[in-house]
């Protein structure tokens, strides 16, 4: 039997679980490394002709097939609109926010969450430089967005951004563009954006995978129980790391509709496993287990099928569903208020 040569810690510093399938991973990486080498050369060629990464059909295709690791930091800043945001507010904004006081309760919550951020990652050990940098980034973000302050989940996002960009200021701007532009109201005190989008996702499942939707209803399994972490953490701490990064490549370029595509892909691919569950407990366990299966591990196949097998998913459809859900929630809230007054 061949012994795997892969380390128990991946290249991003995450410790692999005891039951990690090294043989499956080795099989995947053998093919994927050849793909990455070819993509790196293609990206270098692209950068010669489009150094500012101006949006066009070719760049969209390139992003979907993966941004090389060495280009991810500047690539994300460029394609997400982060550079435009930085130019608008000024290059000194991050330093200014570091000097700005924030609410002590917010600061204390951040301090509590710092040690909880990727505790099994070798780059986030107690009192490490990354932990200190993460604290500064989250405090600067809170100072810049006092209405939000801090919301649990932001630590995971900022932590992964820091691991990839290795730059505090880049992390700060990417966090801002995510929260302020790409995912509005996800991290507000009421988390209205997440609540609405989980209901939107439920309706998309009903449209794309009606059997699973009926099964969820029959077993009285709320989608919030499954999808809240998906949306709040943007699939970090859910999908394998390389797949998460490929998802984020697309998220920064195409926006929040990517989150729905990822969720729908998981539901569609594992439809039969989900339908085989006979109670809410086994269904919850099934959702936990499917994200660690070989299919999500093979990030290239996963992302490719995410775009070819889900069908059309225009932003206009998602926005229409958001408006419907919001209108229904507002009407329900008004009705509840009237009943209380009576």
C-alpha atoms as a PDB file:
ATOM      1  CA  UNK A   1       0.000   0.000   0.000  1.00  0.00           C
ATOM      2  CA  UNK A   2       1.348   3.435  -0.967  1.00  0.00           C
ATOM      3  CA  UNK A   3       1.922   5.884   1.876  1.00  0.00           C
ATOM      4  CA  UNK A   4       0.763   9.453   1.304  1.00  0.00           C
ATOM      5  CA  UNK A   5       3.445  12.107   1.344  1.00  0.00           C
ATOM      6  CA  UNK A   6       1.021  14.890   2.261  1.00  0.00           C
ATOM      7  CA  UNK A   7       1.494  16.686   5.578  1.00  0.00           C
ATOM      8  CA  UNK A   8      -1.087  16.604   8.362  1.00  0.00           C
ATOM      9  CA  UNK A   9      -1.246  20.384   7.931  1.00  0.00           C
ATOM     10  CA  UNK A  10      -2.283  21.898   4.604  1.00  0.00           C
ATOM     11  CA  UNK A  11      -0.540  24.798   2.895  1.00  0.00           C
ATOM     12  CA  UNK A  12      -2.860  27.311   4.586  1.00  0.00           C
ATOM     13  CA  UNK A  13      -1.984  26.058   8.062  1.00  0.00           C
ATOM     14  CA  UNK A  14      -5.143  24.054   8.747  1.00  0.00           C
ATOM     15  CA  UNK A  15      -4.658  20.746  10.539  1.00  0.00           C
ATOM     16  CA  UNK A  16      -6.301  17.910   8.709  1.00  0.00           C
ATOM     17  CA  UNK A  17      -8.789  15.787  10.697  1.00  0.00           C
ATOM     18  CA  UNK A  18      -7.848  12.307  11.869  1.00  0.00           C
ATOM     19  CA  UNK A  19     -10.225  10.737   9.348  1.00  0.00           C
ATOM     20  CA  UNK A  20      -8.892  12.795   6.420  1.00  0.00           C
ATOM     21  CA  UNK A  21      -8.840  10.732   3.236  1.00  0.00           C
ATOM     22  CA  UNK A  22      -5.208  11.199   2.123  1.00  0.00           C
ATOM     23  CA  UNK A  23      -5.493   8.756  -0.760  1.00  0.00           C
ATOM     24  CA  UNK A  24      -8.509  10.513  -2.235  1.00  0.00           C
ATOM     25  CA  UNK A  25      -6.791  13.867  -1.755  1.00  0.00           C
ATOM     26  CA  UNK A  26      -3.579  12.605  -3.361  1.00  0.00           C
ATOM     27  CA  UNK A  27      -5.541  11.352  -6.346  1.00  0.00           C
ATOM     28  CA  UNK A  28      -7.240  14.728  -6.692  1.00  0.00           C
ATOM     29  CA  UNK A  29      -4.052  16.783  -6.245  1.00  0.00           C
ATOM     30  CA  UNK A  30      -2.076  14.760  -8.781  1.00  0.00           C
ATOM     31  CA  UNK A  31      -4.416  15.976 -11.499  1.00  0.00           C
ATOM     32  CA  UNK A  32      -5.157  19.370  -9.976  1.00  0.00           C
ATOM     33  CA  UNK A  33      -1.512  20.472  -9.698  1.00  0.00           C
ATOM     34  CA  UNK A  34      -1.095  20.010 -13.449  1.00  0.00           C
ATOM     35  CA  UNK A  35      -4.231  22.093 -13.959  1.00  0.00           C
ATOM     36  CA  UNK A  36      -2.914  24.838 -11.634  1.00  0.00           C
ATOM     37  CA  UNK A  37       0.396  25.025 -13.497  1.00  0.00           C
ATOM     38  CA  UNK A  38      -1.442  25.541 -16.771  1.00  0.00           C
ATOM     39  CA  UNK A  39      -3.787  28.122 -15.242  1.00  0.00           C
ATOM     40  CA  UNK A  40      -0.884  30.091 -13.765  1.00  0.00           C
ATOM     41  CA  UNK A  41       0.625  30.477 -17.225  1.00  0.00           C
ATOM     42  CA  UNK A  42      -2.725  31.540 -18.672  1.00  0.00           C
ATOM     43  CA  UNK A  43      -3.240  34.119 -15.914  1.00  0.00           C
ATOM     44  CA  UNK A  44       0.219  35.572 -16.503  1.00  0.00           C
ATOM     45  CA  UNK A  45      -0.697  35.977 -20.162  1.00  0.00           C
ATOM     46  CA  UNK A  46      -4.026  37.574 -19.200  1.00  0.00           C
ATOM     47  CA  UNK A  47      -2.324  40.058 -16.867  1.00  0.00           C
ATOM     48  CA  UNK A  48      -0.089  41.258 -19.701  1.00  0.00           C
ATOM     49  CA  UNK A  49      -3.106  42.328 -21.757  1.00  0.00           C
ATOM     50  CA  UNK A  50      -5.457  43.264 -18.889  1.00  0.00           C
ATOM     51  CA  UNK A  51      -3.274  44.366 -15.929  1.00  0.00           C
ATOM     52  CA  UNK A  52      -6.139  46.280 -14.248  1.00  0.00           C
ATOM     53  CA  UNK A  53      -8.403  43.212 -14.511  1.00  0.00           C
ATOM     54  CA  UNK A  54     -11.175  45.158 -16.198  1.00  0.00           C
ATOM     55  CA  UNK A  55     -14.409  43.189 -16.237  1.00  0.00           C
ATOM     56  CA  UNK A  56     -15.212  41.300 -19.434  1.00  0.00           C
ATOM     57  CA  UNK A  57     -16.386  37.850 -20.496  1.00  0.00           C
ATOM     58  CA  UNK A  58     -12.852  36.470 -20.653  1.00  0.00           C
ATOM     59  CA  UNK A  59     -12.013  37.630 -17.120  1.00  0.00           C
ATOM     60  CA  UNK A  60     -15.277  36.162 -15.825  1.00  0.00           C
ATOM     61  CA  UNK A  61     -14.361  32.805 -17.346  1.00  0.00           C
ATOM     62  CA  UNK A  62     -10.861  33.009 -15.876  1.00  0.00           C
ATOM     63  CA  UNK A  63     -12.196  33.808 -12.403  1.00  0.00           C
ATOM     64  CA  UNK A  64     -14.581  30.859 -12.557  1.00  0.00           C
ATOM     65  CA  UNK A  65     -11.677  28.565 -13.355  1.00  0.00           C
ATOM     66  CA  UNK A  66      -9.730  29.869 -10.376  1.00  0.00           C
ATOM     67  CA  UNK A  67      -7.417  32.741  -9.469  1.00  0.00           C
ATOM     68  CA  UNK A  68      -3.868  31.495  -8.763  1.00  0.00           C
ATOM     69  CA  UNK A  69      -2.951  31.690  -5.078  1.00  0.00           C
ATOM     70  CA  UNK A  70      -0.132  34.159  -5.670  1.00  0.00           C
ATOM     71  CA  UNK A  71      -2.595  36.531  -7.411  1.00  0.00           C
ATOM     72  CA  UNK A  72      -5.598  36.044  -5.118  1.00  0.00           C
ATOM     73  CA  UNK A  73      -4.971  39.003  -2.807  1.00  0.00           C
ATOM     74  CA  UNK A  74      -4.608  41.674  -5.497  1.00  0.00           C
ATOM     75  CA  UNK A  75      -7.062  39.799  -7.729  1.00  0.00           C
ATOM     76  CA  UNK A  76      -9.824  39.905  -5.111  1.00  0.00           C
ATOM     77  CA  UNK A  77      -9.173  43.586  -4.402  1.00  0.00           C
ATOM     78  CA  UNK A  78      -9.452  44.386  -8.095  1.00  0.00           C
ATOM     79  CA  UNK A  79     -12.434  42.297  -9.221  1.00  0.00           C
ATOM     80  CA  UNK A  80     -14.540  42.974  -6.110  1.00  0.00           C
ATOM     81  CA  UNK A  81     -14.439  46.755  -6.316  1.00  0.00           C
ATOM     82  CA  UNK A  82     -12.269  46.932  -3.212  1.00  0.00           C
ATOM     83  CA  UNK A  83      -9.709  49.145  -4.939  1.00  0.00           C
ATOM     84  CA  UNK A  84     -12.443  51.566  -6.003  1.00  0.00           C
ATOM     85  CA  UNK A  85     -13.686  51.682  -2.411  1.00  0.00           C
ATOM     86  CA  UNK A  86     -10.152  52.385  -1.199  1.00  0.00           C
ATOM     87  CA  UNK A  87      -9.687  55.122  -3.785  1.00  0.00           C
ATOM     88  CA  UNK A  88     -13.002  56.686  -2.752  1.00  0.00           C
ATOM     89  CA  UNK A  89     -12.244  56.880   0.982  1.00  0.00           C
ATOM     90  CA  UNK A  90      -8.479  57.310   0.814  1.00  0.00           C
ATOM     91  CA  UNK A  91      -5.458  55.092   1.309  1.00  0.00           C
ATOM     92  CA  UNK A  92      -4.997  56.281   4.921  1.00  0.00           C
ATOM     93  CA  UNK A  93      -8.445  55.146   6.024  1.00  0.00           C
ATOM     94  CA  UNK A  94      -7.274  51.922   7.665  1.00  0.00           C
ATOM     95  CA  UNK A  95      -4.689  53.688   9.817  1.00  0.00           C
ATOM     96  CA  UNK A  96      -7.224  56.348  10.733  1.00  0.00           C
ATOM     97  CA  UNK A  97      -9.729  53.706  11.823  1.00  0.00           C
ATOM     98  CA  UNK A  98      -7.097  52.042  13.987  1.00  0.00           C
ATOM     99  CA  UNK A  99      -6.767  55.293  15.928  1.00  0.00           C
ATOM    100  CA  UNK A 100     -10.520  55.729  16.276  1.00  0.00           C
ATOM    101  CA  UNK A 101     -12.071  54.516  19.569  1.00  0.00           C
ATOM    102  CA  UNK A 102     -14.777  51.850  19.488  1.00  0.00           C
ATOM    103  CA  UNK A 103     -17.418  50.710  21.943  1.00  0.00           C
ATOM    104  CA  UNK A 104     -15.815  48.751  24.804  1.00  0.00           C
ATOM    105  CA  UNK A 105     -18.479  46.041  24.638  1.00  0.00           C
ATOM    106  CA  UNK A 106     -17.685  45.521  20.948  1.00  0.00           C
ATOM    107  CA  UNK A 107     -13.966  45.376  21.670  1.00  0.00           C
ATOM    108  CA  UNK A 108     -14.526  42.788  24.415  1.00  0.00           C
ATOM    109  CA  UNK A 109     -16.632  40.579  22.140  1.00  0.00           C
ATOM    110  CA  UNK A 110     -13.874  40.706  19.515  1.00  0.00           C
ATOM    111  CA  UNK A 111     -11.305  39.765  22.156  1.00  0.00           C
ATOM    112  CA  UNK A 112     -13.409  36.753  23.125  1.00  0.00           C
ATOM    113  CA  UNK A 113     -13.780  35.599  19.516  1.00  0.00           C
ATOM    114  CA  UNK A 114     -10.128  35.969  18.482  1.00  0.00           C
ATOM    115  CA  UNK A 115      -8.987  32.719  20.213  1.00  0.00           C
ATOM    116  CA  UNK A 116     -11.991  30.924  18.689  1.00  0.00           C
ATOM    117  CA  UNK A 117     -10.912  31.796  15.163  1.00  0.00           C
ATOM    118  CA  UNK A 118      -9.418  28.762  13.452  1.00  0.00           C
ATOM    119  CA  UNK A 119      -7.898  27.374  16.686  1.00  0.00           C
ATOM    120  CA  UNK A 120      -6.523  24.363  14.790  1.00  0.00           C
ATOM    121  CA  UNK A 121      -4.648  26.558  12.328  1.00  0.00           C
ATOM    122  CA  UNK A 122      -0.937  26.818  13.017  1.00  0.00           C
ATOM    123  CA  UNK A 123      -0.939  30.492  11.993  1.00  0.00           C
ATOM    124  CA  UNK A 124      -3.598  31.448  14.559  1.00  0.00           C
ATOM    125  CA  UNK A 125      -1.999  30.145  17.725  1.00  0.00           C
ATOM    126  CA  UNK A 126      -2.367  32.174  20.974  1.00  0.00           C
ATOM    127  CA  UNK A 127      -0.645  35.581  20.853  1.00  0.00           C
ATOM    128  CA  UNK A 128       0.513  34.986  17.272  1.00  0.00           C
ATOM    129  CA  UNK A 129       1.050  37.911  14.921  1.00  0.00           C
ATOM    130  CA  UNK A 130      -2.017  36.830  12.964  1.00  0.00           C
ATOM    131  CA  UNK A 131      -4.216  36.936  16.056  1.00  0.00           C
ATOM    132  CA  UNK A 132      -3.000  40.457  16.812  1.00  0.00           C
ATOM    133  CA  UNK A 133      -3.505  41.520  13.206  1.00  0.00           C
ATOM    134  CA  UNK A 134      -7.013  40.024  13.184  1.00  0.00           C
ATOM    135  CA  UNK A 135      -7.888  41.990  16.312  1.00  0.00           C
ATOM    136  CA  UNK A 136      -6.741  45.222  14.681  1.00  0.00           C
ATOM    137  CA  UNK A 137      -8.637  44.513  11.461  1.00  0.00           C
ATOM    138  CA  UNK A 138     -11.910  43.774  13.280  1.00  0.00           C
ATOM    139  CA  UNK A 139     -11.522  46.846  15.511  1.00  0.00           C
ATOM    140  CA  UNK A 140     -10.823  49.051  12.478  1.00  0.00           C
ATOM    141  CA  UNK A 141     -13.863  47.609  10.730  1.00  0.00           C
ATOM    142  CA  UNK A 142     -16.024  48.259  13.817  1.00  0.00           C
ATOM    143  CA  UNK A 143     -14.788  51.849  13.979  1.00  0.00           C
ATOM    144  CA  UNK A 144     -15.623  52.293  10.303  1.00  0.00           C
ATOM    145  CA  UNK A 145     -19.074  50.681  10.682  1.00  0.00           C
ATOM    146  CA  UNK A 146     -20.399  51.671  14.132  1.00  0.00           C
ATOM    147  CA  UNK A 147     -23.949  50.583  13.240  1.00  0.00           C
ATOM    148  CA  UNK A 148     -22.631  47.043  12.773  1.00  0.00           C
ATOM    149  CA  UNK A 149     -19.729  47.047  15.189  1.00  0.00           C
ATOM    150  CA  UNK A 150     -18.970  43.366  15.230  1.00  0.00           C
ATOM    151  CA  UNK A 151     -20.973  40.285  14.319  1.00  0.00           C
ATOM    152  CA  UNK A 152     -19.961  36.681  14.944  1.00  0.00           C
ATOM    153  CA  UNK A 153     -18.804  35.157  11.699  1.00  0.00           C
ATOM    154  CA  UNK A 154     -16.781  38.189  10.674  1.00  0.00           C
ATOM    155  CA  UNK A 155     -13.787  36.725  12.517  1.00  0.00           C
ATOM    156  CA  UNK A 156     -13.767  33.644  10.275  1.00  0.00           C
ATOM    157  CA  UNK A 157     -14.080  35.717   7.119  1.00  0.00           C
ATOM    158  CA  UNK A 158     -11.414  38.228   8.137  1.00  0.00           C
ATOM    159  CA  UNK A 159      -9.162  35.414   9.361  1.00  0.00           C
ATOM    160  CA  UNK A 160      -9.245  33.608   6.025  1.00  0.00           C
ATOM    161  CA  UNK A 161      -8.788  36.863   4.136  1.00  0.00           C
ATOM    162  CA  UNK A 162      -5.698  37.512   6.237  1.00  0.00           C
ATOM    163  CA  UNK A 163      -4.281  34.053   5.542  1.00  0.00           C
ATOM    164  CA  UNK A 164      -4.616  34.598   1.804  1.00  0.00           C
ATOM    165  CA  UNK A 165      -3.691  38.271   1.412  1.00  0.00           C
ATOM    166  CA  UNK A 166      -1.099  38.340   4.226  1.00  0.00           C
ATOM    167  CA  UNK A 167      -1.867  42.050   4.397  1.00  0.00           C
ATOM    168  CA  UNK A 168      -3.947  43.791   7.080  1.00  0.00           C
ATOM    169  CA  UNK A 169      -5.021  46.697   4.914  1.00  0.00           C
ATOM    170  CA  UNK A 170      -6.107  44.470   2.020  1.00  0.00           C
ATOM    171  CA  UNK A 171      -8.078  42.361   4.460  1.00  0.00           C
ATOM    172  CA  UNK A 172      -9.793  45.483   5.842  1.00  0.00           C
ATOM    173  CA  UNK A 173     -10.906  46.654   2.384  1.00  0.00           C
ATOM    174  CA  UNK A 174     -12.068  43.208   1.300  1.00  0.00           C
ATOM    175  CA  UNK A 175     -14.076  42.855   4.504  1.00  0.00           C
ATOM    176  CA  UNK A 176     -15.659  46.234   3.846  1.00  0.00           C
ATOM    177  CA  UNK A 177     -16.561  45.446   0.242  1.00  0.00           C
ATOM    178  CA  UNK A 178     -18.139  42.154   1.329  1.00  0.00           C
ATOM    179  CA  UNK A 179     -20.210  43.620   4.144  1.00  0.00           C
ATOM    180  CA  UNK A 180     -21.084  46.977   2.610  1.00  0.00           C
ATOM    181  CA  UNK A 181     -21.549  46.063  -1.059  1.00  0.00           C
ATOM    182  CA  UNK A 182     -21.800  42.333  -1.737  1.00  0.00           C
ATOM    183  CA  UNK A 183     -23.717  41.148   1.353  1.00  0.00           C
ATOM    184  CA  UNK A 184     -25.832  44.077   2.605  1.00  0.00           C
ATOM    185  CA  UNK A 185     -27.539  43.533   5.984  1.00  0.00           C
ATOM    186  CA  UNK A 186     -25.901  40.131   6.520  1.00  0.00           C
ATOM    187  CA  UNK A 187     -24.010  41.353   9.562  1.00  0.00           C
ATOM    188  CA  UNK A 188     -26.407  43.956  10.941  1.00  0.00           C
ATOM    189  CA  UNK A 189     -27.716  43.553  14.471  1.00  0.00           C
ATOM    190  CA  UNK A 190     -30.941  42.010  13.128  1.00  0.00           C
ATOM    191  CA  UNK A 191     -29.168  39.984  10.414  1.00  0.00           C
ATOM    192  CA  UNK A 192     -32.100  40.712   8.125  1.00  0.00           C
ATOM    193  CA  UNK A 193     -30.065  39.998   5.004  1.00  0.00           C
ATOM    194  CA  UNK A 194     -29.219  36.464   6.093  1.00  0.00           C
ATOM    195  CA  UNK A 195     -32.771  35.740   7.271  1.00  0.00           C
ATOM    196  CA  UNK A 196     -34.197  36.892   3.941  1.00  0.00           C
ATOM    197  CA  UNK A 197     -31.607  35.020   1.873  1.00  0.00           C
ATOM    198  CA  UNK A 198     -32.190  31.743   3.712  1.00  0.00           C
ATOM    199  CA  UNK A 199     -35.866  32.013   2.795  1.00  0.00           C
ATOM    200  CA  UNK A 200     -34.860  32.904  -0.770  1.00  0.00           C
ATOM    201  CA  UNK A 201     -32.663  29.818  -0.806  1.00  0.00           C
ATOM    202  CA  UNK A 202     -35.593  27.724   0.433  1.00  0.00           C
ATOM    203  CA  UNK A 203     -37.682  28.922  -2.499  1.00  0.00           C
ATOM    204  CA  UNK A 204     -34.872  28.265  -4.949  1.00  0.00           C
ATOM    205  CA  UNK A 205     -34.583  24.696  -3.649  1.00  0.00           C
ATOM    206  CA  UNK A 206     -38.338  24.319  -4.136  1.00  0.00           C
ATOM    207  CA  UNK A 207     -37.866  25.487  -7.733  1.00  0.00           C
ATOM    208  CA  UNK A 208     -34.686  23.541  -8.569  1.00  0.00           C
ATOM    209  CA  UNK A 209     -34.982  20.438  -6.313  1.00  0.00           C
ATOM    210  CA  UNK A 210     -38.681  20.115  -5.356  1.00  0.00           C
ATOM    211  CA  UNK A 211     -38.292  16.595  -3.904  1.00  0.00           C
ATOM    212  CA  UNK A 212     -35.765  17.793  -1.334  1.00  0.00           C
ATOM    213  CA  UNK A 213     -37.931  20.787  -0.496  1.00  0.00           C
ATOM    214  CA  UNK A 214     -40.937  18.542   0.195  1.00  0.00           C
ATOM    215  CA  UNK A 215     -38.764  16.186   2.254  1.00  0.00           C
ATOM    216  CA  UNK A 216     -37.462  19.057   4.396  1.00  0.00           C
ATOM    217  CA  UNK A 217     -41.018  20.216   5.055  1.00  0.00           C
ATOM    218  CA  UNK A 218     -42.215  16.678   5.823  1.00  0.00           C
ATOM    219  CA  UNK A 219     -39.447  16.209   8.408  1.00  0.00           C
ATOM    220  CA  UNK A 220     -40.022  19.743   9.772  1.00  0.00           C
ATOM    221  CA  UNK A 221     -36.404  20.664   9.148  1.00  0.00           C
ATOM    222  CA  UNK A 222     -35.978  24.461   8.854  1.00  0.00           C
ATOM    223  CA  UNK A 223     -33.457  25.610   6.280  1.00  0.00           C
ATOM    224  CA  UNK A 224     -32.068  28.058   8.835  1.00  0.00           C
ATOM    225  CA  UNK A 225     -30.691  25.116  10.802  1.00  0.00           C
ATOM    226  CA  UNK A 226     -28.605  24.091   7.797  1.00  0.00           C
ATOM    227  CA  UNK A 227     -27.899  27.228   5.810  1.00  0.00           C
ATOM    228  CA  UNK A 228     -27.225  29.880   8.470  1.00  0.00           C
ATOM    229  CA  UNK A 229     -23.557  28.918   8.807  1.00  0.00           C
ATOM    230  CA  UNK A 230     -23.272  28.560   5.031  1.00  0.00           C
ATOM    231  CA  UNK A 231     -24.321  32.161   4.491  1.00  0.00           C
ATOM    232  CA  UNK A 232     -22.777  33.785   7.574  1.00  0.00           C
ATOM    233  CA  UNK A 233     -19.328  32.211   7.083  1.00  0.00           C
ATOM    234  CA  UNK A 234     -19.536  32.159   3.267  1.00  0.00           C
ATOM    235  CA  UNK A 235     -18.820  28.420   3.394  1.00  0.00           C
ATOM    236  CA  UNK A 236     -15.541  28.833   5.290  1.00  0.00           C
ATOM    237  CA  UNK A 237     -15.396  26.232   8.083  1.00  0.00           C
ATOM    238  CA  UNK A 238     -17.881  24.283   5.929  1.00  0.00           C
ATOM    239  CA  UNK A 239     -16.295  23.300   2.616  1.00  0.00           C
ATOM    240  CA  UNK A 240     -12.705  22.110   2.137  1.00  0.00           C
ATOM    241  CA  UNK A 241     -10.387  25.117   2.088  1.00  0.00           C
ATOM    242  CA  UNK A 242      -9.407  25.012  -1.587  1.00  0.00           C
ATOM    243  CA  UNK A 243     -13.063  24.749  -2.595  1.00  0.00           C
ATOM    244  CA  UNK A 244     -13.945  27.653  -0.305  1.00  0.00           C
ATOM    245  CA  UNK A 245     -11.302  29.805  -1.986  1.00  0.00           C
ATOM    246  CA  UNK A 246     -12.598  28.914  -5.442  1.00  0.00           C
ATOM    247  CA  UNK A 247     -16.086  29.888  -4.245  1.00  0.00           C
ATOM    248  CA  UNK A 248     -14.719  33.202  -2.969  1.00  0.00           C
ATOM    249  CA  UNK A 249     -13.036  33.869  -6.332  1.00  0.00           C
ATOM    250  CA  UNK A 250     -16.486  33.771  -7.902  1.00  0.00           C
ATOM    251  CA  UNK A 251     -18.183  35.558  -4.996  1.00  0.00           C
ATOM    252  CA  UNK A 252     -15.904  38.579  -5.272  1.00  0.00           C
ATOM    253  CA  UNK A 253     -16.529  38.806  -9.014  1.00  0.00           C
ATOM    254  CA  UNK A 254     -20.195  37.812  -9.394  1.00  0.00           C
ATOM    255  CA  UNK A 255     -21.693  38.698  -6.037  1.00  0.00           C
ATOM    256  CA  UNK A 256     -23.983  36.984  -3.561  1.00  0.00           C
ATOM    257  CA  UNK A 257     -25.776  34.778  -6.101  1.00  0.00           C
ATOM    258  CA  UNK A 258     -22.739  32.484  -5.902  1.00  0.00           C
ATOM    259  CA  UNK A 259     -23.731  31.473  -2.362  1.00  0.00           C
ATOM    260  CA  UNK A 260     -27.058  30.198  -3.680  1.00  0.00           C
ATOM    261  CA  UNK A 261     -25.334  28.250  -6.448  1.00  0.00           C
ATOM    262  CA  UNK A 262     -23.050  26.522  -3.951  1.00  0.00           C
ATOM    263  CA  UNK A 263     -25.934  25.537  -1.685  1.00  0.00           C
ATOM    264  CA  UNK A 264     -28.041  24.324  -4.602  1.00  0.00           C
ATOM    265  CA  UNK A 265     -25.124  22.274  -5.922  1.00  0.00           C
ATOM    266  CA  UNK A 266     -24.768  20.476  -2.591  1.00  0.00           C
ATOM    267  CA  UNK A 267     -28.502  19.796  -2.402  1.00  0.00           C
ATOM    268  CA  UNK A 268     -28.715  18.592  -6.006  1.00  0.00           C
ATOM    269  CA  UNK A 269     -25.629  16.379  -5.914  1.00  0.00           C
ATOM    270  CA  UNK A 270     -26.603  14.699  -2.645  1.00  0.00           C
ATOM    271  CA  UNK A 271     -30.342  14.613  -3.281  1.00  0.00           C
ATOM    272  CA  UNK A 272     -30.647  10.852  -2.873  1.00  0.00           C
ATOM    273  CA  UNK A 273     -28.656  10.848   0.377  1.00  0.00           C
ATOM    274  CA  UNK A 274     -30.893  13.580   1.788  1.00  0.00           C
ATOM    275  CA  UNK A 275     -34.097  11.876   0.658  1.00  0.00           C
ATOM    276  CA  UNK A 276     -32.965   8.645   2.330  1.00  0.00           C
ATOM    277  CA  UNK A 277     -32.977  10.312   5.766  1.00  0.00           C
ATOM    278  CA  UNK A 278     -36.003   9.349   7.824  1.00  0.00           C
ATOM    279  CA  UNK A 279     -35.889  11.927  10.615  1.00  0.00           C
ATOM    280  CA  UNK A 280     -34.598  15.403  11.362  1.00  0.00           C
ATOM    281  CA  UNK A 281     -31.593  14.100  13.285  1.00  0.00           C
ATOM    282  CA  UNK A 282     -30.287  11.922  10.462  1.00  0.00           C
ATOM    283  CA  UNK A 283     -30.984  14.721   7.976  1.00  0.00           C
ATOM    284  CA  UNK A 284     -28.903  17.161  10.027  1.00  0.00           C
ATOM    285  CA  UNK A 285     -26.048  14.636  10.191  1.00  0.00           C
ATOM    286  CA  UNK A 286     -26.283  14.076   6.454  1.00  0.00           C
ATOM    287  CA  UNK A 287     -25.874  17.789   5.772  1.00  0.00           C
ATOM    288  CA  UNK A 288     -22.795  17.819   8.010  1.00  0.00           C
ATOM    289  CA  UNK A 289     -21.208  14.828   6.305  1.00  0.00           C
ATOM    290  CA  UNK A 290     -21.780  15.677   2.637  1.00  0.00           C
ATOM    291  CA  UNK A 291     -19.459  18.693   2.699  1.00  0.00           C
ATOM    292  CA  UNK A 292     -16.507  16.430   3.533  1.00  0.00           C
ATOM    293  CA  UNK A 293     -17.191  13.922   0.771  1.00  0.00           C
ATOM    294  CA  UNK A 294     -14.908  13.544  -2.306  1.00  0.00           C
ATOM    295  CA  UNK A 295     -17.149  15.677  -4.515  1.00  0.00           C
ATOM    296  CA  UNK A 296     -16.720  18.981  -2.595  1.00  0.00           C
ATOM    297  CA  UNK A 297     -13.031  18.128  -2.104  1.00  0.00           C
ATOM    298  CA  UNK A 298     -12.469  18.175  -5.866  1.00  0.00           C
ATOM    299  CA  UNK A 299     -12.858  21.942  -6.136  1.00  0.00           C
ATOM    300  CA  UNK A 300     -12.413  22.099  -9.898  1.00  0.00           C
ATOM    301  CA  UNK A 301     -15.213  19.625 -10.659  1.00  0.00           C
ATOM    302  CA  UNK A 302     -17.428  21.125  -7.960  1.00  0.00           C
ATOM    303  CA  UNK A 303     -17.171  24.675  -9.317  1.00  0.00           C
ATOM    304  CA  UNK A 304     -17.562  23.535 -12.922  1.00  0.00           C
ATOM    305  CA  UNK A 305     -20.749  21.603 -12.172  1.00  0.00           C
ATOM    306  CA  UNK A 306     -22.026  24.435 -10.009  1.00  0.00           C
ATOM    307  CA  UNK A 307     -22.298  26.530 -13.164  1.00  0.00           C
ATOM    308  CA  UNK A 308     -23.374  23.812 -15.614  1.00  0.00           C
ATOM    309  CA  UNK A 309     -25.913  21.768 -13.631  1.00  0.00           C
ATOM    310  CA  UNK A 310     -27.920  24.326 -11.653  1.00  0.00           C
ATOM    311  CA  UNK A 311     -29.264  26.153 -14.671  1.00  0.00           C
ATOM    312  CA  UNK A 312     -30.025  29.839 -14.980  1.00  0.00           C
ATOM    313  CA  UNK A 313     -29.793  31.841 -11.755  1.00  0.00           C
ATOM    314  CA  UNK A 314     -29.824  35.537 -12.672  1.00  0.00           C
ATOM    315  CA  UNK A 315     -29.394  38.221 -10.041  1.00  0.00           C
ATOM    316  CA  UNK A 316     -32.741  39.656 -11.145  1.00  0.00           C
ATOM    317  CA  UNK A 317     -34.505  36.469  -9.963  1.00  0.00           C
ATOM    318  CA  UNK A 318     -32.758  36.589  -6.590  1.00  0.00           C
ATOM    319  CA  UNK A 319     -33.587  40.275  -6.135  1.00  0.00           C
ATOM    320  CA  UNK A 320     -37.246  39.639  -7.031  1.00  0.00           C
ATOM    321  CA  UNK A 321     -37.410  36.841  -4.460  1.00  0.00           C
ATOM    322  CA  UNK A 322     -35.743  39.076  -1.879  1.00  0.00           C
ATOM    323  CA  UNK A 323     -38.394  41.738  -2.473  1.00  0.00           C
ATOM    324  CA  UNK A 324     -41.180  39.155  -2.127  1.00  0.00           C
ATOM    325  CA  UNK A 325     -39.780  37.740   1.109  1.00  0.00           C
ATOM    326  CA  UNK A 326     -39.163  41.200   2.566  1.00  0.00           C
ATOM    327  CA  UNK A 327     -42.679  42.335   1.691  1.00  0.00           C
ATOM    328  CA  UNK A 328     -44.159  39.221   3.306  1.00  0.00           C
ATOM    329  CA  UNK A 329     -42.063  39.706   6.448  1.00  0.00           C
ATOM    330  CA  UNK A 330     -43.081  43.359   6.705  1.00  0.00           C
ATOM    331  CA  UNK A 331     -46.753  42.458   6.288  1.00  0.00           C
ATOM    332  CA  UNK A 332     -46.457  39.748   8.945  1.00  0.00           C
ATOM    333  CA  UNK A 333     -44.754  42.158  11.340  1.00  0.00           C
ATOM    334  CA  UNK A 334     -47.489  44.768  10.823  1.00  0.00           C
ATOM    335  CA  UNK A 335     -50.169  42.142  11.437  1.00  0.00           C
ATOM    336  CA  UNK A 336     -48.418  41.047  14.640  1.00  0.00           C
ATOM    337  CA  UNK A 337     -48.155  44.661  15.833  1.00  0.00           C
ATOM    338  CA  UNK A 338     -51.861  45.248  15.197  1.00  0.00           C
ATOM    339  CA  UNK A 339     -52.830  42.103  17.101  1.00  0.00           C
ATOM    340  CA  UNK A 340     -50.707  43.173  20.071  1.00  0.00           C
ATOM    341  CA  UNK A 341     -52.415  46.574  20.157  1.00  0.00           C
ATOM    342  CA  UNK A 342     -55.837  44.919  20.075  1.00  0.00           C
END
